[in-house]
Amino acid sequence: KRSTLLNMMIYLSSIQGSAAAFGKCFPGARSSFVQRKRLPRHYLSATSSAMLSAEEYDSRIQNHPLVGEHEKVQDPSKPFFPIYYNDVYEVHLPENHRFPMDKYRKVRRLAQTWIESQSAEEQSQVVCEFRVSPLATVEEITTTHSPEYVDRYLRGDLTEKELQNVGFPWSIGGVMRSLSSVGGTVAAAVSVCEALTQFPDAPVWSAHVAGGTHHAFYDYGEGFCVFSDIAVAANVVLKRYPELIRKALIIDLDVHQGNGNARLFQGRTDVLTFSMQCDANYFSPKEESDLDVELPVGCNDETYLFTLKHWLKQIEVKAGNVNLIFFQAGVDVLEQDRLGRMSLTSEGVKRRNQLVFDFAREQNVPLVITMGGGYPARDDWTPILEAHADVYFQARQDLARQYAAKSNIQR
């Protein structure tokens, strides 16, 4: 029965089908928890070790190839924008749980509808594909997190207090979601690197309609974050592509500080952490990013955008050569967010996104976009869903404009 459960994991991994390869330099500026459900004891009785040990997981789940079929056939004359999503992994939370699990599928469908409803000519300007997020391997996750913590989480052996800090009860579905949340961001980063390895001058961005789990630390999680997908992805590509990626930048614009990433990369010079957050929205002690910017409760579009533009300019001047940018695109800065405490309009969030896209384009640095916080009102999810979907649609449109501008110049 234990092998049956492992076979289920392998099957769930295989449904990815043609999903492709997944795979400090400047000073800073200034829920209700439900009892977890353990697996029935008979799943574990065949051996003294629990199911899903780190060694067994890595030996049974196939590693993702370095080069996928998508990257091999990419047209180097056009922008490349793979979008990964993990809403195929179902997680059923207790009734009235405050985490909006259903938003991931809703956001992906909305973004996909907007992109696929464009004319054939518009769609031809960007190689944009939606791909199921692969599962991260233990080898990848332990580039960043404690092997003991990873193993205990996979086996369902975290304590009640540890699970309360994370905010989710333990379940097989939760394990799959956590692994795919990391795996999709790793895949997005690796897809960029593989495309650039083949076509160094191609405009390449990628995205994940999940991830942005920036509250995970080396050996514990909090704030609905088990593992840090961005930190794992950064460490994987820095190790796997040392000639291509020598320094990464994290731009974290969630309403909460990216405290886990700040701690994970403290003292490192190859990953720069920039977090801009509400100064009164901390649920655990503040950490020290390379650059932390505090904004007040009720911050509006004008203040937010002026501040962001200023600090992006400072990063441009002081950060040196950056080879990859991760954009944690939380939308809990939106005025309709029920937990955010800021007052940006939907147009303000779009302008925020554009500042980041302009920054990446002007620096000629590839961009990996992840989701982040966004907590809709219980009676109206529309503003949050549209703000999330806008991030991906805007990015695709920006790449299309880059292609059109280049085509006009060549003519």
Protein backbone atom coordinates (compact mmCIF):
# COMPACT_ATOMS: atom_id res chain seq x y z
CA LYS A 1 0.00 0.00 0.00
CA ARG A 2 2.95 2.25 0.64
CA SER A 3 4.16 1.69 -2.93
CA THR A 4 0.64 2.40 -4.18
CA LEU A 5 0.80 5.84 -2.62
CA LEU A 6 4.19 6.49 -4.17
CA ASN A 7 2.83 5.35 -7.53
CA MET A 8 0.04 7.88 -7.12
CA MET A 9 2.68 10.59 -6.68
CA ILE A 10 4.48 9.42 -9.82
CA TYR A 11 1.20 9.40 -11.74
CA LEU A 12 0.32 12.91 -10.63
CA SER A 13 3.76 14.04 -11.73
CA SER A 14 3.31 12.38 -15.12
CA ILE A 15 0.12 14.29 -15.97
CA GLN A 16 2.32 17.24 -16.77
CA GLY A 17 2.59 15.68 -20.21
CA SER A 18 4.50 18.03 -22.44
CA ALA A 19 5.30 20.52 -19.68
CA ALA A 20 8.84 21.50 -20.46
CA ALA A 21 12.08 21.96 -18.67
CA PHE A 22 11.82 23.03 -15.21
CA GLY A 23 14.00 21.70 -14.30
CA LYS A 24 24.76 42.41 -1.01
CA CYS A 25 25.85 44.95 -2.73
CA PHE A 26 24.17 48.14 -1.48
CA PRO A 27 22.91 49.18 1.97
CA GLY A 28 19.23 49.17 2.82
CA ALA A 29 16.99 52.14 3.03
CA ARG A 30 14.76 52.58 5.32
CA SER A 31 -6.31 31.78 10.85
CA SER A 32 -8.34 29.48 12.24
CA PHE A 33 -6.40 26.21 12.24
CA VAL A 34 -8.00 22.82 11.81
CA GLN A 35 -6.48 19.59 13.13
CA ARG A 36 -4.24 18.01 10.47
CA LYS A 37 -5.23 14.67 9.04
CA ARG A 38 -2.47 12.08 9.10
CA LEU A 39 -2.29 9.25 6.60
CA PRO A 40 -3.80 5.99 7.83
CA ARG A 41 -1.19 4.02 9.77
CA HIS A 42 -1.36 1.07 7.36
CA TYR A 43 0.35 3.23 4.71
CA LEU A 44 3.41 3.39 6.92
CA SER A 45 3.46 -0.10 8.39
CA ALA A 46 5.54 -1.78 5.70
CA THR A 47 8.72 -0.10 6.88
CA SER A 48 9.96 1.82 9.88
CA SER A 49 10.40 5.00 7.81
CA ALA A 50 7.39 7.07 6.79
CA MET A 51 6.27 7.49 3.23
CA LEU A 52 7.93 10.05 0.97
CA SER A 53 11.41 10.04 2.48
CA ALA A 54 13.73 12.44 0.69
CA GLU A 55 15.83 9.66 -0.90
CA GLU A 56 12.83 7.72 -2.11
CA TYR A 57 11.10 10.79 -3.48
CA ASP A 58 14.06 11.81 -5.60
CA SER A 59 14.64 8.27 -6.85
CA ARG A 60 11.01 7.70 -7.84
CA ILE A 61 10.06 11.07 -9.33
CA GLN A 62 11.77 11.67 -12.65
CA ASN A 63 13.99 14.73 -12.77
CA HIS A 64 12.81 17.32 -15.25
CA PRO A 65 15.05 17.55 -18.34
CA LEU A 66 17.26 20.57 -18.79
CA VAL A 67 15.96 21.21 -22.29
CA GLY A 68 12.31 20.68 -23.09
CA GLU A 69 10.65 20.34 -26.45
CA HIS A 70 9.19 23.84 -26.15
CA GLU A 71 12.56 25.52 -25.84
CA LYS A 72 13.99 23.49 -28.73
CA VAL A 73 11.42 24.79 -31.19
CA GLN A 74 11.29 28.36 -29.96
CA ASP A 75 11.45 31.03 -32.68
CA PRO A 76 14.36 33.28 -31.64
CA SER A 77 12.93 36.23 -33.55
CA LYS A 78 9.91 36.43 -31.26
CA PRO A 79 9.57 37.05 -27.53
CA PHE A 80 9.24 33.89 -25.45
CA PHE A 81 6.79 33.82 -22.52
CA PRO A 82 5.92 30.44 -20.95
CA ILE A 83 3.35 30.65 -18.15
CA TYR A 84 3.25 27.83 -15.60
CA TYR A 85 0.26 27.02 -13.41
CA ASN A 86 -0.39 24.47 -10.65
CA ASP A 87 -4.16 24.60 -10.12
CA VAL A 88 -4.39 20.98 -11.31
CA TYR A 89 -3.39 20.02 -7.76
CA GLU A 90 -6.53 20.11 -5.66
CA VAL A 91 -6.34 21.17 -2.03
CA HIS A 92 -9.53 21.11 0.00
CA LEU A 93 -9.35 23.45 2.97
CA PRO A 94 -11.74 23.54 5.91
CA GLU A 95 -14.87 25.60 5.45
CA ASN A 96 -14.36 29.32 6.16
CA HIS A 97 -10.57 29.01 5.93
CA ARG A 98 -9.35 32.49 5.05
CA PHE A 99 -6.89 31.44 2.32
CA PRO A 100 -8.50 31.89 -1.15
CA MET A 101 -7.33 28.60 -2.70
CA ASP A 102 -9.82 28.80 -5.59
CA LYS A 103 -8.33 32.03 -6.87
CA TYR A 104 -5.42 30.27 -8.62
CA ARG A 105 -7.61 28.46 -11.11
CA LYS A 106 -9.83 31.50 -11.57
CA VAL A 107 -6.84 33.79 -12.24
CA ARG A 108 -5.23 31.36 -14.67
CA ARG A 109 -8.46 30.92 -16.60
CA LEU A 110 -9.03 34.65 -16.74
CA ALA A 111 -5.50 35.42 -17.96
CA GLN A 112 -5.67 32.56 -20.45
CA THR A 113 -9.01 33.79 -21.79
CA TRP A 114 -7.70 37.32 -22.26
CA ILE A 115 -4.57 36.13 -24.03
CA GLU A 116 -6.29 33.54 -26.23
CA SER A 117 -9.09 35.93 -27.22
CA GLN A 118 -6.64 38.12 -29.12
CA SER A 119 -6.52 38.02 -32.88
CA ALA A 120 -4.31 35.50 -34.66
CA GLU A 121 -1.95 38.30 -35.67
CA GLU A 122 -1.65 39.53 -32.08
CA GLN A 123 -1.08 36.02 -30.76
CA SER A 124 1.64 35.40 -33.33
CA GLN A 125 3.78 38.20 -31.90
CA VAL A 126 4.73 36.29 -28.73
CA VAL A 127 5.44 32.59 -28.15
CA CYS A 128 3.17 32.28 -25.12
CA GLU A 129 2.28 28.85 -23.73
CA PHE A 130 0.45 27.73 -20.61
CA ARG A 131 2.16 24.75 -18.97
CA VAL A 132 1.40 22.62 -15.91
CA SER A 133 3.92 23.26 -13.14
CA PRO A 134 6.25 20.32 -12.51
CA LEU A 135 6.98 19.08 -9.02
CA ALA A 136 10.19 20.34 -7.47
CA THR A 137 12.65 17.66 -6.41
CA VAL A 138 14.08 17.34 -2.92
CA GLU A 139 17.51 18.07 -4.37
CA GLU A 140 16.23 21.43 -5.61
CA ILE A 141 14.39 22.36 -2.43
CA THR A 142 17.37 21.54 -0.23
CA THR A 143 19.50 24.07 -2.08
CA THR A 144 17.58 26.46 0.18
CA HIS A 145 15.81 24.63 3.00
CA SER A 146 16.90 22.28 5.78
CA PRO A 147 16.90 18.64 4.59
CA GLU A 148 15.43 17.62 7.95
CA TYR A 149 12.59 20.15 7.65
CA VAL A 150 11.86 19.11 4.05
CA ASP A 151 11.78 15.45 5.01
CA ARG A 152 9.50 16.02 8.01
CA TYR A 153 7.09 18.07 5.91
CA LEU A 154 6.89 15.45 3.15
CA ARG A 155 6.24 12.70 5.74
CA GLY A 156 3.59 14.70 7.58
CA ASP A 157 5.69 14.97 10.73
CA LEU A 158 5.59 18.71 11.41
CA THR A 159 4.29 19.58 14.85
CA GLU A 160 0.90 21.15 15.41
CA LYS A 161 2.60 24.46 16.24
CA GLU A 162 4.64 24.35 13.02
CA LEU A 163 1.50 23.71 10.98
CA GLN A 164 -0.35 26.50 12.76
CA ASN A 165 2.46 28.88 11.78
CA VAL A 166 2.15 27.79 8.14
CA GLY A 167 -1.63 28.14 8.28
CA PHE A 168 -2.60 24.93 6.47
CA PRO A 169 -3.45 21.46 7.76
CA TRP A 170 -1.16 18.74 6.36
CA SER A 171 -2.46 16.62 3.49
CA ILE A 172 -1.19 14.82 0.41
CA GLY A 173 -2.89 17.50 -1.68
CA GLY A 174 -1.04 20.15 0.27
CA VAL A 175 2.27 18.39 -0.35
CA MET A 176 1.60 18.27 -4.07
CA ARG A 177 0.64 21.93 -4.12
CA SER A 178 3.77 22.94 -2.18
CA LEU A 179 6.05 20.95 -4.48
CA SER A 180 4.39 22.33 -7.60
CA SER A 181 4.46 25.89 -6.23
CA VAL A 182 8.23 25.61 -6.07
CA GLY A 183 8.55 23.49 -9.20
CA GLY A 184 6.65 25.96 -11.38
CA THR A 185 8.90 28.85 -10.43
CA VAL A 186 12.01 26.71 -10.90
CA ALA A 187 10.64 25.67 -14.30
CA ALA A 188 9.97 29.28 -15.24
CA ALA A 189 13.52 30.33 -14.31
CA VAL A 190 15.12 27.33 -16.03
CA SER A 191 13.04 27.91 -19.18
CA VAL A 192 14.44 31.44 -19.37
CA CYS A 193 17.99 30.18 -18.92
CA GLU A 194 17.63 27.41 -21.47
CA ALA A 195 16.17 29.78 -24.05
CA LEU A 196 18.97 32.29 -23.46
CA THR A 197 21.57 29.52 -23.74
CA GLN A 198 20.32 28.81 -27.26
CA PHE A 199 19.40 32.37 -28.27
CA PRO A 200 21.34 34.91 -26.14
CA ASP A 201 19.67 37.96 -27.69
CA ALA A 202 16.07 36.72 -27.59
CA PRO A 203 13.59 38.64 -25.41
CA VAL A 204 12.67 36.04 -22.79
CA TRP A 205 10.36 36.35 -19.79
CA SER A 206 8.43 33.68 -17.92
CA ALA A 207 5.75 33.46 -15.25
CA HIS A 208 4.07 31.26 -12.68
CA VAL A 209 0.42 31.65 -11.72
CA ALA A 210 1.36 30.58 -8.20
CA GLY A 211 4.41 30.88 -5.97
CA GLY A 212 5.68 34.06 -4.41
CA THR A 213 5.82 32.19 -1.09
CA HIS A 214 8.22 34.64 0.52
CA HIS A 215 7.50 33.90 4.20
CA ALA A 216 9.27 30.52 4.26
CA PHE A 217 12.54 30.27 6.20
CA TYR A 218 15.37 27.73 6.20
CA ASP A 219 13.69 25.30 8.57
CA TYR A 220 10.15 26.53 9.07
CA GLY A 221 7.27 28.16 7.25
CA GLU A 222 4.71 30.81 8.08
CA GLY A 223 2.03 32.96 6.48
CA PHE A 224 0.73 30.25 4.09
CA CYS A 225 4.29 29.54 2.87
CA VAL A 226 5.97 26.13 3.27
CA PHE A 227 8.98 26.61 0.97
CA SER A 228 10.30 29.73 -0.77
CA ASP A 229 9.85 29.10 -4.48
CA ILE A 230 11.77 32.22 -5.54
CA ALA A 231 14.71 31.44 -3.28
CA VAL A 232 14.87 27.84 -4.51
CA ALA A 233 14.64 28.93 -8.16
CA ALA A 234 17.37 31.54 -7.66
CA ASN A 235 19.69 29.03 -6.01
CA VAL A 236 19.02 26.40 -8.68
CA VAL A 237 19.83 28.65 -11.64
CA LEU A 238 22.84 30.23 -9.93
CA LYS A 239 24.26 26.75 -9.45
CA ARG A 240 23.16 25.27 -12.78
CA TYR A 241 23.98 28.24 -15.04
CA PRO A 242 27.02 29.92 -13.43
CA GLU A 243 28.22 31.48 -16.68
CA LEU A 244 24.78 32.90 -17.48
CA ILE A 245 23.38 33.87 -14.05
CA ARG A 246 25.85 35.46 -11.65
CA LYS A 247 23.52 37.81 -9.79
CA ALA A 248 19.75 37.79 -9.31
CA LEU A 249 17.44 40.53 -8.08
CA ILE A 250 14.17 39.93 -6.22
CA ILE A 251 11.63 42.74 -6.53
CA ASP A 252 8.98 41.97 -3.93
CA LEU A 253 5.93 44.23 -4.12
CA ASP A 254 3.57 42.26 -1.94
CA VAL A 255 2.01 44.32 0.86
CA HIS A 256 3.96 42.18 3.36
CA GLN A 257 7.73 42.11 3.65
CA GLY A 258 9.48 39.20 1.96
CA ASN A 259 10.93 38.28 5.33
CA GLY A 260 11.82 34.68 4.48
CA ASN A 261 13.80 35.66 1.40
CA ALA A 262 15.49 38.48 3.32
CA ARG A 263 16.78 35.98 5.89
CA LEU A 264 17.63 33.26 3.36
CA PHE A 265 19.87 35.59 1.34
CA GLN A 266 21.29 37.66 4.18
CA GLY A 267 24.99 38.25 3.61
CA ARG A 268 24.88 36.98 0.03
CA THR A 269 26.18 39.16 -2.80
CA ASP A 270 24.74 37.06 -5.65
CA VAL A 271 21.07 37.68 -4.75
CA LEU A 272 19.73 41.15 -3.96
CA THR A 273 16.47 41.46 -2.07
CA PHE A 274 14.24 44.52 -2.49
CA SER A 275 10.97 44.56 -0.58
CA MET A 276 8.48 47.42 -0.48
CA GLN A 277 5.72 46.90 2.08
CA CYS A 278 3.16 48.41 4.43
CA ASP A 279 4.86 49.53 7.64
CA ALA A 280 1.96 48.37 9.80
CA ASN A 281 1.30 44.94 8.31
CA TYR A 282 3.81 42.63 9.99
CA PHE A 283 2.68 39.38 11.58
CA SER A 284 6.20 38.31 12.66
CA PRO A 285 9.48 40.14 13.36
CA LYS A 286 10.85 42.24 10.53
CA GLU A 287 13.93 40.92 8.75
CA GLU A 288 16.59 42.94 6.94
CA SER A 289 16.45 42.90 3.15
CA ASP A 290 19.18 44.54 1.09
CA LEU A 291 16.62 47.26 0.49
CA ASP A 292 13.47 47.66 2.60
CA VAL A 293 11.03 50.46 1.85
CA GLU A 294 8.20 51.14 4.28
CA LEU A 295 4.94 52.73 3.17
CA PRO A 296 2.09 53.93 5.40
CA VAL A 297 -1.36 52.48 5.91
CA GLY A 298 -3.69 53.89 3.28
CA CYS A 299 -0.85 54.60 0.83
CA ASN A 300 -2.32 55.81 -2.49
CA ASP A 301 -1.25 55.50 -6.11
CA GLU A 302 0.75 58.71 -6.25
CA THR A 303 2.88 58.01 -3.18
CA TYR A 304 3.42 54.36 -4.05
CA LEU A 305 4.42 54.91 -7.67
CA PHE A 306 6.70 57.86 -6.91
CA THR A 307 8.47 55.79 -4.25
CA LEU A 308 8.83 52.70 -6.42
CA LYS A 309 10.16 54.69 -9.37
CA HIS A 310 12.77 56.36 -7.13
CA TRP A 311 14.08 53.11 -5.66
CA LEU A 312 14.15 51.26 -8.98
CA LYS A 313 16.37 54.07 -10.22
CA GLN A 314 18.62 53.64 -7.18
CA ILE A 315 18.87 49.91 -7.82
CA GLU A 316 19.77 50.59 -11.44
CA VAL A 317 22.62 52.85 -10.33
CA LYS A 318 23.94 50.86 -7.36
CA ALA A 319 23.17 47.18 -7.88
CA GLY A 320 25.70 46.45 -10.60
CA ASN A 321 25.11 43.87 -13.31
CA VAL A 322 22.00 41.79 -12.61
CA ASN A 323 21.36 38.77 -14.84
CA LEU A 324 17.88 37.70 -13.73
CA ILE A 325 14.96 39.46 -12.02
CA PHE A 326 12.24 37.79 -9.97
CA PHE A 327 9.08 39.88 -9.59
CA GLN A 328 6.84 38.89 -6.67
CA ALA A 329 3.66 40.54 -7.94
CA GLY A 330 1.33 40.44 -4.94
CA VAL A 331 -1.83 42.49 -5.43
CA ASP A 332 -2.74 42.83 -1.75
CA VAL A 333 -1.76 46.50 -2.09
CA LEU A 334 -5.12 46.97 -3.81
CA GLU A 335 -7.69 49.01 -1.90
CA GLN A 336 -10.26 46.18 -2.16
CA ASP A 337 -7.93 43.64 -0.51
CA ARG A 338 -9.40 42.62 2.85
CA LEU A 339 -6.02 42.17 4.56
CA GLY A 340 -3.73 44.64 2.78
CA ARG A 341 -4.35 48.02 4.46
CA MET A 342 -3.17 50.00 1.42
CA SER A 343 -5.30 52.00 -1.02
CA LEU A 344 -4.00 51.49 -4.55
CA THR A 345 -6.52 51.52 -7.37
CA SER A 346 -6.55 48.86 -10.08
CA GLU A 347 -4.99 51.42 -12.42
CA GLY A 348 -2.31 52.11 -9.84
CA VAL A 349 -1.44 48.41 -9.66
CA LYS A 350 -1.21 48.27 -13.46
CA ARG A 351 1.16 51.25 -13.43
CA ARG A 352 3.20 49.51 -10.72
CA ASN A 353 3.53 46.44 -12.92
CA GLN A 354 4.55 48.58 -15.86
CA LEU A 355 7.33 50.24 -13.87
CA VAL A 356 8.80 46.81 -13.19
CA PHE A 357 8.40 45.71 -16.81
CA ASP A 358 10.01 48.94 -18.03
CA PHE A 359 12.88 48.43 -15.59
CA ALA A 360 13.54 44.88 -16.83
CA ARG A 361 13.29 45.90 -20.47
CA GLU A 362 15.55 48.95 -20.10
CA GLN A 363 18.14 46.87 -18.24
CA ASN A 364 17.79 44.10 -20.84
CA VAL A 365 17.44 41.56 -18.03
CA PRO A 366 15.14 38.52 -18.26
CA LEU A 367 12.18 38.50 -15.90
CA VAL A 368 10.45 35.73 -13.92
CA ILE A 369 7.03 36.71 -12.56
CA THR A 370 5.30 35.00 -9.67
CA MET A 371 2.00 35.48 -7.92
CA GLY A 372 1.78 36.87 -4.41
CA GLY A 373 -0.82 37.92 -1.90
CA GLY A 374 -4.33 38.91 -2.85
CA TYR A 375 -7.23 38.37 -0.47
CA PRO A 376 -10.64 39.10 -1.98
CA ALA A 377 -13.71 40.24 -0.10
CA ARG A 378 -15.92 37.25 0.55
CA ASP A 379 -18.74 38.67 -1.57
CA ASP A 380 -16.72 40.05 -4.51
CA TRP A 381 -13.57 38.41 -5.88
CA THR A 382 -13.54 40.35 -9.16
CA PRO A 383 -11.07 43.19 -8.30
CA ILE A 384 -8.46 40.78 -6.90
CA LEU A 385 -8.83 38.23 -9.71
CA GLU A 386 -8.53 40.90 -12.39
CA ALA A 387 -5.54 42.53 -10.71
CA HIS A 388 -3.72 39.17 -10.60
CA ALA A 389 -4.63 38.31 -14.20
CA ASP A 390 -3.56 41.77 -15.35
CA VAL A 391 0.02 41.04 -14.29
CA TYR A 392 0.34 38.19 -16.80
CA PHE A 393 -1.65 39.84 -19.55
CA GLN A 394 0.32 43.09 -19.19
CA ALA A 395 3.62 41.22 -19.37
CA ARG A 396 2.55 39.47 -22.55
CA GLN A 397 1.41 42.79 -24.06
CA ASP A 398 4.69 44.45 -23.15
CA LEU A 399 6.63 41.71 -24.92
CA ALA A 400 4.36 42.13 -27.96
CA ARG A 401 5.14 45.85 -28.03
CA GLN A 402 8.85 45.07 -27.86
CA TYR A 403 8.48 42.76 -30.86
CA ALA A 404 6.44 45.30 -32.83
CA ALA A 405 8.95 48.08 -32.13
CA LYS A 406 11.85 45.88 -33.20
CA SER A 407 10.01 44.82 -36.36
CA ASN A 408 9.33 48.45 -37.30
CA ILE A 409 12.99 49.36 -36.82
CA GLN A 410 14.11 46.45 -39.01
CA ARG A 411 11.73 47.55 -41.76
